[in-house]
PDB file of N, CA and C in Angstrom:
ATOM      1  N   MET A   1       0.803  -1.187   0.000  1.00  0.00           N
ATOM      2  CA  MET A   1       0.000   0.000   0.000  1.00  0.00           C
ATOM      3  C   MET A   1       0.858   1.269   0.000  1.00  0.00           C
ATOM      4  N   LEU A   2       2.037   1.179   0.573  1.00  0.00           N
ATOM      5  CA  LEU A   2       2.908   2.342   0.625  1.00  0.00           C
ATOM      6  C   LEU A   2       3.879   2.308  -0.540  1.00  0.00           C
ATOM      7  N   ASP A   3       3.354   2.479  -1.748  1.00  0.00           N
ATOM      8  CA  ASP A   3       4.223   2.404  -2.909  1.00  0.00           C
ATOM      9  C   ASP A   3       4.770   3.770  -3.321  1.00  0.00           C
ATOM     10  N   LYS A   4       4.347   4.843  -2.658  1.00  0.00           N
ATOM     11  CA  LYS A   4       4.878   6.165  -2.957  1.00  0.00           C
ATOM     12  C   LYS A   4       5.868   6.577  -1.879  1.00  0.00           C
ATOM     13  N   VAL A   5       6.929   7.236  -2.288  1.00  0.00           N
ATOM     14  CA  VAL A   5       7.897   7.771  -1.339  1.00  0.00           C
ATOM     15  C   VAL A   5       7.504   9.207  -1.056  1.00  0.00           C
ATOM     16  N   VAL A   6       7.326   9.506   0.199  1.00  0.00           N
ATOM     17  CA  VAL A   6       6.962  10.860   0.587  1.00  0.00           C
ATOM     18  C   VAL A   6       8.240  11.605   0.933  1.00  0.00           C
ATOM     19  N   THR A   7       8.428  12.744   0.295  1.00  0.00           N
ATOM     20  CA  THR A   7       9.598  13.559   0.583  1.00  0.00           C
ATOM     21  C   THR A   7       9.153  14.925   1.070  1.00  0.00           C
ATOM     22  N   SER A   8       9.997  15.536   1.807  1.00  0.00           N
ATOM     23  CA  SER A   8       9.728  16.875   2.307  1.00  0.00           C
ATOM     24  C   SER A   8       9.772  17.850   1.142  1.00  0.00           C
ATOM     25  N   PRO A   9       8.883  18.836   1.112  1.00  0.00           N
ATOM     26  CA  PRO A   9       8.916  19.800   0.018  1.00  0.00           C
ATOM     27  C   PRO A   9      10.174  20.666   0.035  1.00  0.00           C
ATOM     28  N   THR A  10      10.894  20.696   1.157  1.00  0.00           N
ATOM     29  CA  THR A  10      12.099  21.507   1.216  1.00  0.00           C
ATOM     30  C   THR A  10      13.346  20.718   0.831  1.00  0.00           C
ATOM     31  N   MET A  11      13.220  19.428   0.629  1.00  0.00           N
ATOM     32  CA  MET A  11      14.369  18.621   0.235  1.00  0.00           C
ATOM     33  C   MET A  11      14.726  18.936  -1.221  1.00  0.00           C
ATOM     34  N   ASP A  12      15.989  18.903  -1.521  1.00  0.00           N
ATOM     35  CA  ASP A  12      16.419  19.059  -2.893  1.00  0.00           C
ATOM     36  C   ASP A  12      17.333  17.898  -3.269  1.00  0.00           C
ATOM     37  N   SER A  13      18.025  18.021  -4.380  1.00  0.00           N
ATOM     38  CA  SER A  13      18.859  16.914  -4.842  1.00  0.00           C
ATOM     39  C   SER A  13      19.996  16.596  -3.876  1.00  0.00           C
ATOM     40  N   LEU A  14      20.345  17.556  -3.008  1.00  0.00           N
ATOM     41  CA  LEU A  14      21.397  17.296  -2.025  1.00  0.00           C
ATOM     42  C   LEU A  14      20.845  16.720  -0.733  1.00  0.00           C
ATOM     43  N   GLY A  15      19.540  16.571  -0.631  1.00  0.00           N
ATOM     44  CA  GLY A  15      18.918  16.007   0.565  1.00  0.00           C
ATOM     45  C   GLY A  15      19.103  16.910   1.767  1.00  0.00           C
ATOM     46  N   PRO A  16      19.378  16.308   2.913  1.00  0.00           N
ATOM     47  CA  PRO A  16      19.520  17.101   4.143  1.00  0.00           C
ATOM     48  C   PRO A  16      20.643  18.130   4.065  1.00  0.00           C
ATOM     49  N   GLN A  17      21.683  17.845   3.283  1.00  0.00           N
ATOM     50  CA  GLN A  17      22.779  18.806   3.163  1.00  0.00           C
ATOM     51  C   GLN A  17      22.289  20.094   2.504  1.00  0.00           C
ATOM     52  N   GLY A  18      21.420  19.960   1.526  1.00  0.00           N
ATOM     53  CA  GLY A  18      20.865  21.142   0.860  1.00  0.00           C
ATOM     54  C   GLY A  18      20.021  21.960   1.815  1.00  0.00           C
ATOM     55  N   GLU A  19      19.257  21.287   2.635  1.00  0.00           N
ATOM     56  CA  GLU A  19      18.434  21.974   3.628  1.00  0.00           C
ATOM     57  C   GLU A  19      19.323  22.668   4.653  1.00  0.00           C
ATOM     58  N   LEU A  20      20.390  22.019   5.063  1.00  0.00           N
ATOM     59  CA  LEU A  20      21.326  22.623   6.009  1.00  0.00           C
ATOM     60  C   LEU A  20      21.965  23.870   5.402  1.00  0.00           C
ATOM     61  N   ARG A  21      22.357  23.781   4.153  1.00  0.00           N
ATOM     62  CA  ARG A  21      22.955  24.942   3.490  1.00  0.00           C
ATOM     63  C   ARG A  21      21.971  26.102   3.408  1.00  0.00           C
ATOM     64  N   ARG A  22      20.738  25.800   3.058  1.00  0.00           N
ATOM     65  CA  ARG A  22      19.708  26.850   2.986  1.00  0.00           C
ATOM     66  C   ARG A  22      19.489  27.488   4.346  1.00  0.00           C
ATOM     67  N   SER A  23      19.415  26.661   5.367  1.00  0.00           N
ATOM     68  CA  SER A  23      19.208  27.173   6.724  1.00  0.00           C
ATOM     69  C   SER A  23      20.376  28.052   7.156  1.00  0.00           C
ATOM     70  N   TYR A  24      21.592  27.618   6.855  1.00  0.00           N
ATOM     71  CA  TYR A  24      22.756  28.410   7.228  1.00  0.00           C
ATOM     72  C   TYR A  24      22.780  29.725   6.460  1.00  0.00           C
ATOM     73  N   LYS A  25      22.409  29.682   5.195  1.00  0.00           N
ATOM     74  CA  LYS A  25      22.380  30.913   4.397  1.00  0.00           C
ATOM     75  C   LYS A  25      21.402  31.908   5.012  1.00  0.00           C
ATOM     76  N   GLN A  26      20.238  31.438   5.454  1.00  0.00           N
ATOM     77  CA  GLN A  26      19.268  32.317   6.108  1.00  0.00           C
ATOM     78  C   GLN A  26      19.856  32.878   7.398  1.00  0.00           C
ATOM     79  N   TRP A  27      20.526  32.031   8.180  1.00  0.00           N
ATOM     80  CA  TRP A  27      21.132  32.492   9.429  1.00  0.00           C
ATOM     81  C   TRP A  27      22.204  33.537   9.127  1.00  0.00           C
ATOM     82  N   GLU A  28      23.005  33.270   8.112  1.00  0.00           N
ATOM     83  CA  GLU A  28      24.084  34.179   7.760  1.00  0.00           C
ATOM     84  C   GLU A  28      23.552  35.541   7.297  1.00  0.00           C
ATOM     85  N   GLU A  29      22.463  35.548   6.536  1.00  0.00           N
ATOM     86  CA  GLU A  29      21.860  36.808   6.096  1.00  0.00           C
ATOM     87  C   GLU A  29      21.367  37.614   7.296  1.00  0.00           C
ATOM     88  N   LYS A  30      20.724  36.932   8.231  1.00  0.00           N
ATOM     89  CA  LYS A  30      20.254  37.621   9.430  1.00  0.00           C
ATOM     90  C   LYS A  30      21.444  38.119  10.241  1.00  0.00           C
ATOM     91  N   HIS A  31      22.500  37.331  10.312  1.00  0.00           N
ATOM     92  CA  HIS A  31      23.694  37.732  11.044  1.00  0.00           C
ATOM     93  C   HIS A  31      24.293  39.004  10.439  1.00  0.00           C
ATOM     94  N   SER A  32      24.336  39.083   9.126  1.00  0.00           N
ATOM     95  CA  SER A  32      24.858  40.281   8.460  1.00  0.00           C
ATOM     96  C   SER A  32      24.038  41.505   8.834  1.00  0.00           C
ATOM     97  N   ARG A  33      22.707  41.340   8.866  1.00  0.00           N
ATOM     98  CA  ARG A  33      21.846  42.463   9.254  1.00  0.00           C
ATOM     99  C   ARG A  33      22.099  42.862  10.709  1.00  0.00           C
ATOM    100  N   ILE A  34      22.254  41.875  11.584  1.00  0.00           N
ATOM    101  CA  ILE A  34      22.495  42.162  12.997  1.00  0.00           C
ATOM    102  C   ILE A  34      23.838  42.862  13.181  1.00  0.00           C
ATOM    103  N   MET A  35      24.833  42.479  12.407  1.00  0.00           N
ATOM    104  CA  MET A  35      26.147  43.112  12.531  1.00  0.00           C
ATOM    105  C   MET A  35      26.124  44.557  12.049  1.00  0.00           C
ATOM    106  N   GLN A  36      25.264  44.862  11.086  1.00  0.00           N
ATOM    107  CA  GLN A  36      25.155  46.233  10.592  1.00  0.00           C
ATOM    108  C   GLN A  36      24.404  47.124  11.571  1.00  0.00           C
ATOM    109  N   GLU A  37      23.363  46.579  12.157  1.00  0.00           N
ATOM    110  CA  GLU A  37      22.561  47.334  13.116  1.00  0.00           C
ATOM    111  C   GLU A  37      22.121  46.395  14.230  1.00  0.00           C
ATOM    112  N   ALA A  38      22.571  46.684  15.416  1.00  0.00           N
ATOM    113  CA  ALA A  38      22.246  45.825  16.565  1.00  0.00           C
ATOM    114  C   ALA A  38      20.736  45.791  16.802  1.00  0.00           C
ATOM    115  N   PRO A  39      20.213  44.629  17.197  1.00  0.00           N
ATOM    116  CA  PRO A  39      18.785  44.526  17.482  1.00  0.00           C
ATOM    117  C   PRO A  39      18.401  45.431  18.652  1.00  0.00           C
ATOM    118  N   ARG A  40      17.164  45.870  18.660  1.00  0.00           N
ATOM    119  CA  ARG A  40      16.679  46.737  19.731  1.00  0.00           C
ATOM    120  C   ARG A  40      16.561  46.000  21.053  1.00  0.00           C
ATOM    121  N   GLU A  41      16.234  44.724  20.966  1.00  0.00           N
ATOM    122  CA  GLU A  41      16.100  43.919  22.178  1.00  0.00           C
ATOM    123  C   GLU A  41      17.213  42.875  22.225  1.00  0.00           C
ATOM    124  N   GLY A  42      17.812  42.718  23.388  1.00  0.00           N
ATOM    125  CA  GLY A  42      18.862  41.721  23.558  1.00  0.00           C
ATOM    126  C   GLY A  42      18.371  40.317  23.301  1.00  0.00           C
ATOM    127  N   ARG A  43      17.086  40.086  23.572  1.00  0.00           N
ATOM    128  CA  ARG A  43      16.500  38.756  23.379  1.00  0.00           C
ATOM    129  C   ARG A  43      16.649  38.288  21.934  1.00  0.00           C
ATOM    130  N   GLU A  44      16.483  39.208  20.983  1.00  0.00           N
ATOM    131  CA  GLU A  44      16.605  38.845  19.572  1.00  0.00           C
ATOM    132  C   GLU A  44      18.036  38.395  19.261  1.00  0.00           C
ATOM    133  N   TYR A  45      19.011  39.083  19.827  1.00  0.00           N
ATOM    134  CA  TYR A  45      20.408  38.715  19.613  1.00  0.00           C
ATOM    135  C   TYR A  45      20.714  37.354  20.235  1.00  0.00           C
ATOM    136  N   ILE A  46      20.208  37.121  21.440  1.00  0.00           N
ATOM    137  CA  ILE A  46      20.420  35.830  22.117  1.00  0.00           C
ATOM    138  C   ILE A  46      19.806  34.699  21.297  1.00  0.00           C
ATOM    139  N   ASN A  47      18.582  34.885  20.820  1.00  0.00           N
ATOM    140  CA  ASN A  47      17.930  33.846  20.002  1.00  0.00           C
ATOM    141  C   ASN A  47      18.725  33.578  18.733  1.00  0.00           C
ATOM    142  N   HIS A  48      19.254  34.635  18.135  1.00  0.00           N
ATOM    143  CA  HIS A  48      20.059  34.467  16.922  1.00  0.00           C
ATOM    144  C   HIS A  48      21.322  33.654  17.241  1.00  0.00           C
ATOM    145  N   ALA A  49      21.955  33.957  18.355  1.00  0.00           N
ATOM    146  CA  ALA A  49      23.164  33.228  18.761  1.00  0.00           C
ATOM    147  C   ALA A  49      22.848  31.757  19.031  1.00  0.00           C
ATOM    148  N   ILE A  50      21.729  31.493  19.653  1.00  0.00           N
ATOM    149  CA  ILE A  50      21.324  30.109  19.934  1.00  0.00           C
ATOM    150  C   ILE A  50      21.091  29.340  18.639  1.00  0.00           C
ATOM    151  N   ASN A  51      20.578  30.020  17.624  1.00  0.00           N
ATOM    152  CA  ASN A  51      20.270  29.356  16.352  1.00  0.00           C
ATOM    153  C   ASN A  51      21.504  28.886  15.590  1.00  0.00           C
ATOM    154  N   VAL A  52      22.703  29.303  16.010  1.00  0.00           N
ATOM    155  CA  VAL A  52      23.907  28.843  15.324  1.00  0.00           C
ATOM    156  C   VAL A  52      24.349  27.465  15.827  1.00  0.00           C
ATOM    157  N   PHE A  53      23.880  27.044  16.988  1.00  0.00           N
ATOM    158  CA  PHE A  53      24.320  25.773  17.570  1.00  0.00           C
ATOM    159  C   PHE A  53      24.131  24.557  16.663  1.00  0.00           C
ATOM    160  N   PRO A  54      23.013  24.416  15.947  1.00  0.00           N
ATOM    161  CA  PRO A  54      22.905  23.231  15.062  1.00  0.00           C
ATOM    162  C   PRO A  54      24.007  23.171  14.010  1.00  0.00           C
ATOM    163  N   PHE A  55      24.455  24.312  13.518  1.00  0.00           N
ATOM    164  CA  PHE A  55      25.519  24.324  12.510  1.00  0.00           C
ATOM    165  C   PHE A  55      26.859  23.941  13.130  1.00  0.00           C
ATOM    166  N   ILE A  56      27.089  24.396  14.355  1.00  0.00           N
ATOM    167  CA  ILE A  56      28.315  24.031  15.061  1.00  0.00           C
ATOM    168  C   ILE A  56      28.318  22.532  15.353  1.00  0.00           C
ATOM    169  N   GLU A  57      27.166  22.004  15.724  1.00  0.00           N
ATOM    170  CA  GLU A  57      27.061  20.575  16.020  1.00  0.00           C
ATOM    171  C   GLU A  57      27.387  19.733  14.785  1.00  0.00           C
ATOM    172  N   VAL A  58      26.856  20.134  13.639  1.00  0.00           N
ATOM    173  CA  VAL A  58      27.121  19.397  12.398  1.00  0.00           C
ATOM    174  C   VAL A  58      28.609  19.455  12.072  1.00  0.00           C
ATOM    175  N   ALA A  59      29.206  20.621  12.232  1.00  0.00           N
ATOM    176  CA  ALA A  59      30.640  20.748  11.940  1.00  0.00           C
ATOM    177  C   ALA A  59      31.471  19.905  12.886  1.00  0.00           C
ATOM    178  N   SER A  60      31.061  19.834  14.140  1.00  0.00           N
ATOM    179  CA  SER A  60      31.826  19.036  15.101  1.00  0.00           C
ATOM    180  C   SER A  60      31.726  17.544  14.813  1.00  0.00           C
ATOM    181  N   GLU A  61      30.642  17.109  14.216  1.00  0.00           N
ATOM    182  CA  GLU A  61      30.495  15.694  13.861  1.00  0.00           C
ATOM    183  C   GLU A  61      31.528  15.284  12.812  1.00  0.00           C
ATOM    184  N   ALA A  62      31.987  16.234  12.016  1.00  0.00           N
ATOM    185  CA  ALA A  62      32.974  15.923  10.986  1.00  0.00           C
ATOM    186  C   ALA A  62      34.391  15.857  11.547  1.00  0.00           C
ATOM    187  N   ASN A  63      34.563  16.320  12.767  1.00  0.00           N
ATOM    188  CA  ASN A  63      35.886  16.347  13.376  1.00  0.00           C
ATOM    189  C   ASN A  63      36.015  15.195  14.383  1.00  0.00           C
ATOM    190  N   PRO A  64      36.885  14.233  14.115  1.00  0.00           N
ATOM    191  CA  PRO A  64      36.992  13.070  15.001  1.00  0.00           C
ATOM    192  C   PRO A  64      37.449  13.424  16.431  1.00  0.00           C
ATOM    193  N   ILE A  65      38.235  14.476  16.582  1.00  0.00           N
ATOM    194  CA  ILE A  65      38.678  14.890  17.911  1.00  0.00           C
ATOM    195  C   ILE A  65      37.507  15.468  18.705  1.00  0.00           C
ATOM    196  N   ALA A  66      36.661  16.231  18.025  1.00  0.00           N
ATOM    197  CA  ALA A  66      35.504  16.836  18.692  1.00  0.00           C
ATOM    198  C   ALA A  66      34.488  15.783  19.132  1.00  0.00           C
ATOM    199  N   LYS A  67      34.441  14.664  18.420  1.00  0.00           N
ATOM    200  CA  LYS A  67      33.505  13.598  18.781  1.00  0.00           C
ATOM    201  C   LYS A  67      33.874  12.957  20.108  1.00  0.00           C
ATOM    202  N   GLY A  68      35.141  13.027  20.456  1.00  0.00           N
ATOM    203  CA  GLY A  68      35.587  12.467  21.731  1.00  0.00           C
ATOM    204  C   GLY A  68      35.863  11.055  21.606  1.00  0.00           C
TER     205      GLY A  68
END
């Protein structure tokens, strides 16, 4: 009965890597805006800083020393 493969509409030919790249590009664009003009509320800056952690985690997975 499950003869169709369901894929996420945000997936592309690179799969999860493409989604990660898109997400990082969005984060980087917001970071550029924040660097040009500081946010009015510190909370926005903190949330932006927290949003970088998934990218750091992925990068650390590629480093055997960081894996421990």
